[in-house]
Amino acid sequence: MDFISERVGFTRTPEDLTIYIKASKKSDLKKINYLKAWVVLWGLCGFLLFTQMFFPYTIGQARFFLVGLIGFWAYFFYVAIKAYYFRKYGLETIYINNDKFMIRRDVYSKKGKPKWFKANEKNPFKPVEEKQNGVNNFFYNSFWVISGGTITFGAKRSEFRFGLQLTTEETRKLVSLMNKAIHPQAEKKQ
């Protein structure tokens, strides 16, 4: 296996290319521990919210509001747990073979659901261009967010992103490597 950085490695054969991107690096251990503390404290808040369901309320809408609040809590508890496990044990796997490529997010040794795509152009991968001080840039660079990415392909309305929080140098090297591995069928016929 060859490495681009601490987080990014790849294996290459004449027919295919497989890229592995770790969800975090060794220096992110402190952030992972903060995320773990957040999950524990958020879980404790949810427990306290849930215990309020057993108290009598004179206002009928209070219980309705409490159910909505517990729903809000449950959604963000799920998001926080998912982010914690992906950051601690996650791996993005990208497999490229000629004009077909697959992207998958694995946690532990459990393989994620693969998403298959077909390249219609010679250089489909490009770095994401976000405004430096924009809301999207701030959101996608948050440690607890596991969506978005620094590499994109596809049309603007149906673009797909991957490569969570890679540095500019890692992104540039990966885009170049992946675009060299793509060989659209139309090009082969000529």
N, C-alpha and C. Protein backbone atom coordinates (compact mmCIF):
# COMPACT_ATOMS: atom_id res chain seq x y z
N MET A 1 0.85 -1.18 0.00
CA MET A 1 0.00 0.00 0.00
C MET A 1 0.90 1.24 0.00
N ASP A 2 0.53 2.22 -0.82
CA ASP A 2 1.23 3.50 -0.86
C ASP A 2 0.41 4.52 -0.08
N PHE A 3 1.09 5.53 0.46
CA PHE A 3 0.40 6.53 1.27
C PHE A 3 0.61 7.92 0.71
N ILE A 4 -0.46 8.71 0.73
CA ILE A 4 -0.40 10.12 0.37
C ILE A 4 -0.17 10.93 1.64
N SER A 5 -0.78 10.50 2.73
CA SER A 5 -0.64 11.16 4.03
C SER A 5 -0.95 10.15 5.12
N GLU A 6 -1.02 10.63 6.35
CA GLU A 6 -1.34 9.76 7.49
C GLU A 6 -2.73 9.15 7.34
N ARG A 7 -3.65 9.88 6.74
CA ARG A 7 -5.04 9.41 6.61
C ARG A 7 -5.34 8.72 5.29
N VAL A 8 -4.57 8.96 4.25
CA VAL A 8 -4.92 8.52 2.90
C VAL A 8 -3.90 7.54 2.35
N GLY A 9 -4.38 6.34 1.97
CA GLY A 9 -3.54 5.33 1.35
C GLY A 9 -4.24 4.74 0.14
N PHE A 10 -3.48 4.07 -0.74
CA PHE A 10 -4.09 3.47 -1.92
C PHE A 10 -3.29 2.26 -2.39
N THR A 11 -3.98 1.37 -3.09
CA THR A 11 -3.35 0.24 -3.77
C THR A 11 -3.75 0.34 -5.23
N ARG A 12 -2.80 0.00 -6.10
CA ARG A 12 -3.07 0.14 -7.53
C ARG A 12 -2.60 -1.11 -8.26
N THR A 13 -3.43 -1.56 -9.18
CA THR A 13 -3.06 -2.61 -10.12
C THR A 13 -3.26 -2.01 -11.52
N PRO A 14 -2.86 -2.71 -12.57
CA PRO A 14 -3.10 -2.15 -13.91
C PRO A 14 -4.59 -1.92 -14.24
N GLU A 15 -5.47 -2.69 -13.61
CA GLU A 15 -6.90 -2.58 -13.92
C GLU A 15 -7.67 -1.66 -12.98
N ASP A 16 -7.24 -1.56 -11.74
CA ASP A 16 -8.07 -0.81 -10.78
C ASP A 16 -7.23 -0.05 -9.77
N LEU A 17 -7.93 0.80 -9.02
CA LEU A 17 -7.34 1.62 -7.97
C LEU A 17 -8.28 1.59 -6.78
N THR A 18 -7.75 1.32 -5.61
CA THR A 18 -8.53 1.33 -4.38
C THR A 18 -7.90 2.33 -3.42
N ILE A 19 -8.73 3.28 -2.94
CA ILE A 19 -8.26 4.34 -2.05
C ILE A 19 -8.93 4.17 -0.70
N TYR A 20 -8.16 4.35 0.36
CA TYR A 20 -8.68 4.26 1.73
C TYR A 20 -8.42 5.59 2.42
N ILE A 21 -9.48 6.17 2.99
CA ILE A 21 -9.35 7.44 3.71
C ILE A 21 -9.85 7.21 5.14
N LYS A 22 -8.95 7.32 6.11
CA LYS A 22 -9.35 7.19 7.52
C LYS A 22 -10.18 8.40 7.91
N ALA A 23 -11.13 8.20 8.80
CA ALA A 23 -12.01 9.29 9.24
C ALA A 23 -11.30 10.31 10.10
N SER A 24 -10.25 9.90 10.80
CA SER A 24 -9.51 10.86 11.63
C SER A 24 -8.06 10.41 11.72
N LYS A 25 -7.23 11.31 12.18
CA LYS A 25 -5.82 10.98 12.35
C LYS A 25 -5.51 10.84 13.83
N LYS A 26 -4.32 10.42 14.16
CA LYS A 26 -3.95 10.16 15.56
C LYS A 26 -4.05 11.42 16.41
N SER A 27 -3.77 12.57 15.82
CA SER A 27 -3.81 13.81 16.60
C SER A 27 -5.24 14.27 16.90
N ASP A 28 -6.25 13.59 16.32
CA ASP A 28 -7.65 13.93 16.58
C ASP A 28 -8.22 13.22 17.81
N LEU A 29 -7.39 12.52 18.56
CA LEU A 29 -7.87 11.76 19.72
C LEU A 29 -8.57 12.66 20.74
N LYS A 30 -8.06 13.86 20.95
CA LYS A 30 -8.67 14.80 21.90
C LYS A 30 -10.07 15.18 21.43
N LYS A 31 -10.23 15.44 20.12
CA LYS A 31 -11.54 15.79 19.57
C LYS A 31 -12.51 14.62 19.71
N ILE A 32 -12.00 13.40 19.50
CA ILE A 32 -12.86 12.21 19.63
C ILE A 32 -13.32 12.06 21.08
N ASN A 33 -12.45 12.34 22.03
CA ASN A 33 -12.83 12.25 23.44
C ASN A 33 -13.85 13.33 23.80
N TYR A 34 -13.72 14.52 23.24
CA TYR A 34 -14.73 15.57 23.45
C TYR A 34 -16.07 15.14 22.86
N LEU A 35 -16.03 14.53 21.70
CA LEU A 35 -17.26 14.04 21.08
C LEU A 35 -17.91 12.95 21.92
N LYS A 36 -17.09 12.09 22.51
CA LYS A 36 -17.59 11.04 23.40
C LYS A 36 -18.26 11.66 24.63
N ALA A 37 -17.62 12.67 25.22
CA ALA A 37 -18.20 13.36 26.37
C ALA A 37 -19.53 14.02 25.97
N TRP A 38 -19.57 14.58 24.77
CA TRP A 38 -20.81 15.20 24.29
C TRP A 38 -21.92 14.15 24.19
N VAL A 39 -21.61 12.98 23.66
CA VAL A 39 -22.61 11.91 23.51
C VAL A 39 -23.12 11.49 24.90
N VAL A 40 -22.23 11.33 25.85
CA VAL A 40 -22.63 10.92 27.20
C VAL A 40 -23.52 11.99 27.84
N LEU A 41 -23.11 13.24 27.76
CA LEU A 41 -23.90 14.32 28.37
C LEU A 41 -25.24 14.51 27.66
N TRP A 42 -25.24 14.37 26.34
CA TRP A 42 -26.50 14.47 25.58
C TRP A 42 -27.43 13.32 25.94
N GLY A 43 -26.87 12.13 26.15
CA GLY A 43 -27.68 10.98 26.59
C GLY A 43 -28.27 11.21 27.96
N LEU A 44 -27.51 11.80 28.87
CA LEU A 44 -28.00 12.12 30.20
C LEU A 44 -29.15 13.14 30.13
N CYS A 45 -28.99 14.13 29.26
CA CYS A 45 -30.08 15.12 29.08
C CYS A 45 -31.35 14.44 28.58
N GLY A 46 -31.19 13.49 27.67
CA GLY A 46 -32.34 12.76 27.14
C GLY A 46 -33.02 11.93 28.21
N PHE A 47 -32.23 11.31 29.07
CA PHE A 47 -32.80 10.54 30.17
C PHE A 47 -33.62 11.46 31.07
N LEU A 48 -33.08 12.62 31.40
CA LEU A 48 -33.81 13.57 32.24
C LEU A 48 -35.09 14.06 31.54
N LEU A 49 -35.02 14.28 30.25
CA LEU A 49 -36.22 14.67 29.50
C LEU A 49 -37.27 13.56 29.55
N PHE A 50 -36.82 12.33 29.33
CA PHE A 50 -37.75 11.20 29.31
C PHE A 50 -38.43 11.01 30.67
N THR A 51 -37.71 11.24 31.77
CA THR A 51 -38.32 11.09 33.10
C THR A 51 -39.45 12.11 33.32
N GLN A 52 -39.42 13.22 32.60
CA GLN A 52 -40.46 14.24 32.75
C GLN A 52 -41.81 13.76 32.20
N MET A 53 -41.81 12.72 31.41
CA MET A 53 -43.07 12.18 30.86
C MET A 53 -43.94 11.58 31.98
N PHE A 54 -43.36 11.23 33.11
CA PHE A 54 -44.10 10.58 34.19
C PHE A 54 -44.64 11.55 35.24
N PHE A 55 -44.39 12.85 35.06
CA PHE A 55 -44.93 13.86 35.97
C PHE A 55 -46.27 14.35 35.45
N PRO A 56 -47.22 14.61 36.34
CA PRO A 56 -48.52 15.13 35.88
C PRO A 56 -48.41 16.60 35.47
N TYR A 57 -49.05 16.93 34.37
CA TYR A 57 -49.06 18.30 33.88
C TYR A 57 -50.51 18.78 33.80
N THR A 58 -50.74 20.02 34.21
CA THR A 58 -52.10 20.56 34.13
C THR A 58 -52.40 21.10 32.75
N ILE A 59 -51.38 21.53 32.05
CA ILE A 59 -51.56 22.05 30.68
C ILE A 59 -51.39 20.88 29.71
N GLY A 60 -52.38 20.63 28.87
CA GLY A 60 -52.35 19.51 27.94
C GLY A 60 -51.27 19.63 26.88
N GLN A 61 -50.93 20.86 26.53
CA GLN A 61 -49.94 21.04 25.47
C GLN A 61 -48.51 20.80 25.95
N ALA A 62 -48.29 20.80 27.25
CA ALA A 62 -46.94 20.60 27.78
C ALA A 62 -46.41 19.21 27.41
N ARG A 63 -47.26 18.20 27.52
CA ARG A 63 -46.84 16.84 27.17
C ARG A 63 -46.57 16.73 25.66
N PHE A 64 -47.38 17.40 24.86
CA PHE A 64 -47.19 17.41 23.41
C PHE A 64 -45.84 18.06 23.07
N PHE A 65 -45.53 19.17 23.73
CA PHE A 65 -44.25 19.85 23.53
C PHE A 65 -43.10 18.94 23.96
N LEU A 66 -43.25 18.22 25.05
CA LEU A 66 -42.22 17.34 25.58
C LEU A 66 -41.93 16.19 24.59
N VAL A 67 -42.98 15.65 23.99
CA VAL A 67 -42.79 14.59 22.99
C VAL A 67 -42.00 15.12 21.81
N GLY A 68 -42.31 16.33 21.35
CA GLY A 68 -41.55 16.95 20.25
C GLY A 68 -40.09 17.17 20.63
N LEU A 69 -39.87 17.60 21.85
CA LEU A 69 -38.51 17.84 22.33
C LEU A 69 -37.72 16.53 22.42
N ILE A 70 -38.37 15.46 22.86
CA ILE A 70 -37.71 14.15 22.92
C ILE A 70 -37.38 13.66 21.51
N GLY A 71 -38.25 13.92 20.55
CA GLY A 71 -37.97 13.57 19.16
C GLY A 71 -36.74 14.31 18.63
N PHE A 72 -36.67 15.59 18.92
CA PHE A 72 -35.50 16.41 18.55
C PHE A 72 -34.24 15.84 19.21
N TRP A 73 -34.32 15.54 20.51
CA TRP A 73 -33.19 14.99 21.23
C TRP A 73 -32.74 13.66 20.61
N ALA A 74 -33.70 12.78 20.31
CA ALA A 74 -33.37 11.45 19.78
C ALA A 74 -32.64 11.55 18.43
N TYR A 75 -33.09 12.45 17.56
CA TYR A 75 -32.45 12.61 16.26
C TYR A 75 -30.98 13.04 16.44
N PHE A 76 -30.73 14.03 17.26
CA PHE A 76 -29.36 14.51 17.44
C PHE A 76 -28.51 13.54 18.27
N PHE A 77 -29.13 12.72 19.08
CA PHE A 77 -28.40 11.67 19.79
C PHE A 77 -27.90 10.64 18.77
N TYR A 78 -28.76 10.27 17.84
CA TYR A 78 -28.38 9.34 16.77
C TYR A 78 -27.24 9.92 15.92
N VAL A 79 -27.35 11.20 15.54
CA VAL A 79 -26.32 11.86 14.73
C VAL A 79 -24.99 11.90 15.48
N ALA A 80 -25.02 12.20 16.78
CA ALA A 80 -23.79 12.28 17.57
C ALA A 80 -23.13 10.91 17.72
N ILE A 81 -23.93 9.86 17.95
CA ILE A 81 -23.37 8.51 18.08
C ILE A 81 -22.76 8.06 16.76
N LYS A 82 -23.48 8.32 15.68
CA LYS A 82 -22.98 7.96 14.35
C LYS A 82 -21.66 8.68 14.05
N ALA A 83 -21.58 9.97 14.37
CA ALA A 83 -20.36 10.74 14.15
C ALA A 83 -19.21 10.21 15.00
N TYR A 84 -19.50 9.88 16.26
CA TYR A 84 -18.45 9.36 17.15
C TYR A 84 -17.86 8.06 16.61
N TYR A 85 -18.71 7.10 16.27
CA TYR A 85 -18.20 5.82 15.79
C TYR A 85 -17.49 5.95 14.45
N PHE A 86 -18.00 6.81 13.57
CA PHE A 86 -17.32 6.97 12.29
C PHE A 86 -15.97 7.65 12.49
N ARG A 87 -15.90 8.68 13.33
CA ARG A 87 -14.63 9.37 13.56
C ARG A 87 -13.61 8.46 14.25
N LYS A 88 -14.07 7.59 15.12
CA LYS A 88 -13.15 6.72 15.86
C LYS A 88 -12.72 5.50 15.02
N TYR A 89 -13.67 4.89 14.30
CA TYR A 89 -13.38 3.62 13.62
C TYR A 89 -13.67 3.65 12.12
N GLY A 90 -13.98 4.81 11.56
CA GLY A 90 -14.46 4.87 10.18
C GLY A 90 -13.38 4.90 9.12
N LEU A 91 -13.81 4.53 7.91
CA LEU A 91 -12.93 4.47 6.76
C LEU A 91 -13.77 4.68 5.50
N GLU A 92 -13.34 5.59 4.64
CA GLU A 92 -13.98 5.76 3.33
C GLU A 92 -13.17 4.92 2.34
N THR A 93 -13.87 4.11 1.55
CA THR A 93 -13.22 3.28 0.55
C THR A 93 -13.73 3.69 -0.82
N ILE A 94 -12.81 3.97 -1.74
CA ILE A 94 -13.16 4.33 -3.11
C ILE A 94 -12.47 3.32 -4.02
N TYR A 95 -13.26 2.67 -4.87
CA TYR A 95 -12.74 1.67 -5.79
C TYR A 95 -13.01 2.15 -7.21
N ILE A 96 -11.98 2.19 -8.06
CA ILE A 96 -12.13 2.66 -9.44
C ILE A 96 -11.64 1.56 -10.38
N ASN A 97 -12.48 1.21 -11.36
CA ASN A 97 -12.11 0.24 -12.37
C ASN A 97 -12.63 0.76 -13.71
N ASN A 98 -11.73 1.25 -14.55
CA ASN A 98 -12.06 1.84 -15.86
C ASN A 98 -13.02 3.01 -15.69
N ASP A 99 -14.28 2.85 -16.11
CA ASP A 99 -15.23 3.97 -16.02
C ASP A 99 -16.23 3.78 -14.88
N LYS A 100 -16.09 2.73 -14.09
CA LYS A 100 -16.99 2.50 -12.95
C LYS A 100 -16.24 2.76 -11.66
N PHE A 101 -16.93 3.35 -10.69
CA PHE A 101 -16.30 3.53 -9.40
C PHE A 101 -17.33 3.39 -8.30
N MET A 102 -16.84 2.99 -7.13
CA MET A 102 -17.67 2.71 -5.97
C MET A 102 -17.13 3.50 -4.79
N ILE A 103 -18.07 4.03 -3.98
CA ILE A 103 -17.71 4.74 -2.76
C ILE A 103 -18.48 4.09 -1.61
N ARG A 104 -17.78 3.84 -0.51
CA ARG A 104 -18.41 3.17 0.62
C ARG A 104 -17.79 3.71 1.91
N ARG A 105 -18.61 3.83 2.94
CA ARG A 105 -18.12 4.23 4.27
C ARG A 105 -18.26 3.05 5.21
N ASP A 106 -17.13 2.59 5.73
CA ASP A 106 -17.09 1.43 6.62
C ASP A 106 -16.86 1.90 8.06
N VAL A 107 -17.45 1.17 9.00
CA VAL A 107 -17.21 1.42 10.42
C VAL A 107 -16.85 0.07 11.04
N TYR A 108 -15.78 0.06 11.84
CA TYR A 108 -15.16 -1.19 12.33
C TYR A 108 -14.83 -2.03 11.11
N SER A 109 -15.19 -3.28 11.15
CA SER A 109 -14.98 -4.14 9.98
C SER A 109 -16.29 -4.31 9.22
N LYS A 110 -17.35 -3.61 9.64
CA LYS A 110 -18.63 -3.69 8.95
C LYS A 110 -18.60 -2.78 7.72
N LYS A 111 -18.76 -3.39 6.58
CA LYS A 111 -18.72 -2.63 5.34
C LYS A 111 -20.03 -1.87 5.16
N GLY A 112 -19.91 -0.63 4.75
CA GLY A 112 -21.09 0.20 4.49
C GLY A 112 -21.74 -0.18 3.17
N LYS A 113 -22.84 0.48 2.88
CA LYS A 113 -23.55 0.21 1.64
C LYS A 113 -22.80 0.89 0.49
N PRO A 114 -22.38 0.10 -0.50
CA PRO A 114 -21.62 0.71 -1.61
C PRO A 114 -22.53 1.50 -2.54
N LYS A 115 -22.00 2.61 -3.05
CA LYS A 115 -22.71 3.42 -4.04
C LYS A 115 -21.88 3.36 -5.31
N TRP A 116 -22.48 2.82 -6.37
CA TRP A 116 -21.78 2.65 -7.64
C TRP A 116 -22.13 3.79 -8.59
N PHE A 117 -21.13 4.23 -9.36
CA PHE A 117 -21.31 5.30 -10.32
C PHE A 117 -20.57 4.94 -11.61
N LYS A 118 -20.94 5.62 -12.68
CA LYS A 118 -20.28 5.43 -13.97
C LYS A 118 -19.79 6.79 -14.44
N ALA A 119 -18.54 6.84 -14.86
CA ALA A 119 -17.95 8.11 -15.33
C ALA A 119 -18.34 8.35 -16.78
N ASN A 120 -18.89 9.50 -17.06
CA ASN A 120 -19.28 9.86 -18.42
C ASN A 120 -18.28 10.80 -19.08
N GLU A 121 -17.30 11.26 -18.33
CA GLU A 121 -16.31 12.18 -18.86
C GLU A 121 -14.93 11.74 -18.41
N LYS A 122 -13.91 12.30 -19.03
CA LYS A 122 -12.54 11.87 -18.75
C LYS A 122 -12.07 12.25 -17.35
N ASN A 123 -12.31 13.46 -16.89
CA ASN A 123 -11.87 13.90 -15.57
C ASN A 123 -13.07 14.30 -14.72
N PRO A 124 -13.79 13.33 -14.17
CA PRO A 124 -15.01 13.67 -13.44
C PRO A 124 -14.79 14.22 -12.03
N PHE A 125 -13.63 13.96 -11.44
CA PHE A 125 -13.39 14.38 -10.06
C PHE A 125 -12.76 15.77 -10.02
N LYS A 126 -13.22 16.57 -9.07
CA LYS A 126 -12.62 17.90 -8.89
C LYS A 126 -12.76 18.32 -7.43
N PRO A 127 -11.88 19.21 -6.98
CA PRO A 127 -11.98 19.69 -5.60
C PRO A 127 -13.24 20.54 -5.41
N VAL A 128 -13.81 20.48 -4.23
CA VAL A 128 -14.98 21.30 -3.90
C VAL A 128 -14.49 22.73 -3.71
N GLU A 129 -15.24 23.64 -4.29
CA GLU A 129 -14.89 25.06 -4.15
C GLU A 129 -15.95 25.74 -3.29
N GLU A 130 -15.59 25.98 -2.04
CA GLU A 130 -16.48 26.66 -1.09
C GLU A 130 -15.90 28.03 -0.78
N LYS A 131 -16.77 28.97 -0.47
CA LYS A 131 -16.30 30.28 -0.01
C LYS A 131 -15.58 30.09 1.31
N GLN A 132 -14.44 30.74 1.45
CA GLN A 132 -13.60 30.56 2.63
C GLN A 132 -14.34 30.83 3.94
N ASN A 133 -15.13 31.88 4.01
CA ASN A 133 -15.85 32.22 5.24
C ASN A 133 -17.34 31.90 5.16
N GLY A 134 -17.73 31.04 4.23
CA GLY A 134 -19.14 30.71 4.04
C GLY A 134 -19.67 29.74 5.08
N VAL A 135 -20.99 29.66 5.16
CA VAL A 135 -21.65 28.77 6.12
C VAL A 135 -21.34 27.31 5.78
N ASN A 136 -21.39 26.95 4.49
CA ASN A 136 -21.10 25.56 4.10
C ASN A 136 -19.69 25.15 4.51
N ASN A 137 -18.72 26.02 4.30
CA ASN A 137 -17.34 25.72 4.67
C ASN A 137 -17.23 25.49 6.17
N PHE A 138 -17.87 26.33 6.95
CA PHE A 138 -17.85 26.18 8.41
C PHE A 138 -18.52 24.87 8.83
N PHE A 139 -19.70 24.57 8.24
CA PHE A 139 -20.46 23.38 8.60
C PHE A 139 -19.71 22.10 8.23
N TYR A 140 -19.19 22.01 7.00
CA TYR A 140 -18.53 20.79 6.55
C TYR A 140 -17.17 20.57 7.20
N ASN A 141 -16.60 21.59 7.83
CA ASN A 141 -15.34 21.41 8.53
C ASN A 141 -15.52 21.16 10.02
N SER A 142 -16.76 21.03 10.47
CA SER A 142 -17.02 20.69 11.87
C SER A 142 -16.71 19.21 12.08
N PHE A 143 -16.08 18.89 13.19
CA PHE A 143 -15.64 17.52 13.45
C PHE A 143 -16.81 16.56 13.61
N TRP A 144 -17.94 17.03 14.11
CA TRP A 144 -19.07 16.14 14.36
C TRP A 144 -19.93 15.90 13.12
N VAL A 145 -19.64 16.57 12.01
CA VAL A 145 -20.41 16.41 10.78
C VAL A 145 -19.74 15.34 9.92
N ILE A 146 -20.51 14.36 9.47
CA ILE A 146 -19.95 13.31 8.62
C ILE A 146 -20.66 13.28 7.27
N SER A 147 -20.96 14.46 6.77
CA SER A 147 -21.51 14.57 5.42
C SER A 147 -20.65 15.57 4.65
N GLY A 148 -20.88 15.65 3.37
CA GLY A 148 -20.08 16.55 2.56
C GLY A 148 -18.76 15.92 2.21
N GLY A 149 -17.79 16.73 1.90
CA GLY A 149 -16.47 16.24 1.54
C GLY A 149 -15.70 17.30 0.79
N THR A 150 -14.46 16.98 0.44
CA THR A 150 -13.60 17.94 -0.25
C THR A 150 -13.45 17.62 -1.73
N ILE A 151 -13.95 16.45 -2.16
CA ILE A 151 -13.88 16.05 -3.57
C ILE A 151 -15.31 15.83 -4.07
N THR A 152 -15.57 16.26 -5.29
CA THR A 152 -16.91 16.14 -5.84
C THR A 152 -16.86 15.63 -7.28
N PHE A 153 -17.98 15.08 -7.72
CA PHE A 153 -18.17 14.76 -9.13
C PHE A 153 -19.66 14.87 -9.43
N GLY A 154 -19.98 14.97 -10.70
CA GLY A 154 -21.38 15.08 -11.12
C GLY A 154 -21.77 16.52 -11.37
N ALA A 155 -22.99 16.68 -11.87
CA ALA A 155 -23.53 18.01 -12.14
C ALA A 155 -23.81 18.74 -10.84
N LYS A 156 -23.94 20.06 -10.90
CA LYS A 156 -24.10 20.88 -9.70
C LYS A 156 -25.31 20.45 -8.86
N ARG A 157 -26.43 20.15 -9.51
CA ARG A 157 -27.63 19.78 -8.75
C ARG A 157 -27.58 18.35 -8.21
N SER A 158 -26.81 17.51 -8.85
CA SER A 158 -26.76 16.11 -8.41
C SER A 158 -25.33 15.70 -8.05
N GLU A 159 -24.55 16.64 -7.55
CA GLU A 159 -23.16 16.32 -7.23
C GLU A 159 -23.09 15.41 -6.00
N PHE A 160 -22.03 14.64 -5.94
CA PHE A 160 -21.79 13.74 -4.82
C PHE A 160 -20.42 14.10 -4.25
N ARG A 161 -20.35 14.22 -2.93
CA ARG A 161 -19.11 14.60 -2.26
C ARG A 161 -18.58 13.46 -1.40
N PHE A 162 -17.26 13.40 -1.30
CA PHE A 162 -16.61 12.45 -0.41
C PHE A 162 -15.24 12.99 -0.03
N GLY A 163 -14.52 12.30 0.81
CA GLY A 163 -13.22 12.77 1.28
C GLY A 163 -13.38 13.79 2.39
N LEU A 164 -13.91 13.34 3.52
CA LEU A 164 -14.22 14.25 4.62
C LEU A 164 -12.99 14.96 5.16
N GLN A 165 -13.04 16.28 5.14
CA GLN A 165 -12.06 17.16 5.77
C GLN A 165 -10.62 16.83 5.40
N LEU A 166 -10.38 16.59 4.13
CA LEU A 166 -9.01 16.40 3.66
C LEU A 166 -8.34 17.76 3.52
N THR A 167 -7.04 17.79 3.64
CA THR A 167 -6.31 19.04 3.43
C THR A 167 -6.30 19.37 1.94
N THR A 168 -5.93 20.59 1.60
CA THR A 168 -5.88 21.01 0.20
C THR A 168 -4.88 20.15 -0.58
N GLU A 169 -3.75 19.85 0.03
CA GLU A 169 -2.73 19.03 -0.63
C GLU A 169 -3.22 17.59 -0.85
N GLU A 170 -3.86 17.00 0.16
CA GLU A 170 -4.41 15.64 0.01
C GLU A 170 -5.46 15.62 -1.08
N THR A 171 -6.32 16.63 -1.09
CA THR A 171 -7.38 16.70 -2.10
C THR A 171 -6.79 16.80 -3.49
N ARG A 172 -5.81 17.67 -3.68
CA ARG A 172 -5.19 17.86 -4.99
C ARG A 172 -4.56 16.56 -5.49
N LYS A 173 -3.81 15.87 -4.63
CA LYS A 173 -3.16 14.62 -5.02
C LYS A 173 -4.18 13.52 -5.33
N LEU A 174 -5.24 13.42 -4.51
CA LEU A 174 -6.27 12.40 -4.75
C LEU A 174 -7.02 12.64 -6.04
N VAL A 175 -7.40 13.90 -6.31
CA VAL A 175 -8.12 14.22 -7.54
C VAL A 175 -7.28 13.84 -8.75
N SER A 176 -6.01 14.16 -8.74
CA SER A 176 -5.12 13.81 -9.84
C SER A 176 -5.01 12.29 -10.00
N LEU A 177 -4.82 11.59 -8.90
CA LEU A 177 -4.70 10.12 -8.93
C LEU A 177 -5.97 9.46 -9.47
N MET A 178 -7.13 9.91 -8.99
CA MET A 178 -8.39 9.29 -9.42
C MET A 178 -8.71 9.62 -10.88
N ASN A 179 -8.46 10.83 -11.31
CA ASN A 179 -8.74 11.19 -12.70
C ASN A 179 -7.86 10.41 -13.67
N LYS A 180 -6.63 10.06 -13.26
CA LYS A 180 -5.76 9.23 -14.10
C LYS A 180 -6.27 7.80 -14.19
N ALA A 181 -6.99 7.33 -13.17
CA ALA A 181 -7.49 5.95 -13.14
C ALA A 181 -8.79 5.77 -13.92
N ILE A 182 -9.48 6.86 -14.25
CA ILE A 182 -10.75 6.78 -15.00
C ILE A 182 -10.46 6.68 -16.49
N HIS A 183 -11.07 5.68 -17.12
CA HIS A 183 -10.94 5.50 -18.56
C HIS A 183 -12.34 5.27 -19.13
N PRO A 184 -13.05 6.34 -19.52
CA PRO A 184 -14.42 6.17 -20.03
C PRO A 184 -14.45 5.27 -21.26
N GLN A 185 -15.56 4.56 -21.43
CA GLN A 185 -15.72 3.61 -22.53
C GLN A 185 -15.61 4.30 -23.90
N ALA A 186 -16.13 5.51 -24.02
CA ALA A 186 -16.09 6.23 -25.30
C ALA A 186 -14.64 6.42 -25.75
N GLU A 187 -13.75 6.63 -24.82
CA GLU A 187 -12.34 6.84 -25.12
C GLU A 187 -11.70 5.54 -25.62
N LYS A 188 -12.12 4.39 -25.11
CA LYS A 188 -11.56 3.10 -25.50
C LYS A 188 -11.90 2.74 -26.94
N LYS A 189 -13.09 3.14 -27.41
CA LYS A 189 -13.54 2.78 -28.75
C LYS A 189 -12.74 3.49 -29.83
N GLN A 190 -12.14 4.62 -29.50
CA GLN A 190 -11.40 5.38 -30.52
C GLN A 190 -10.04 4.80 -30.79
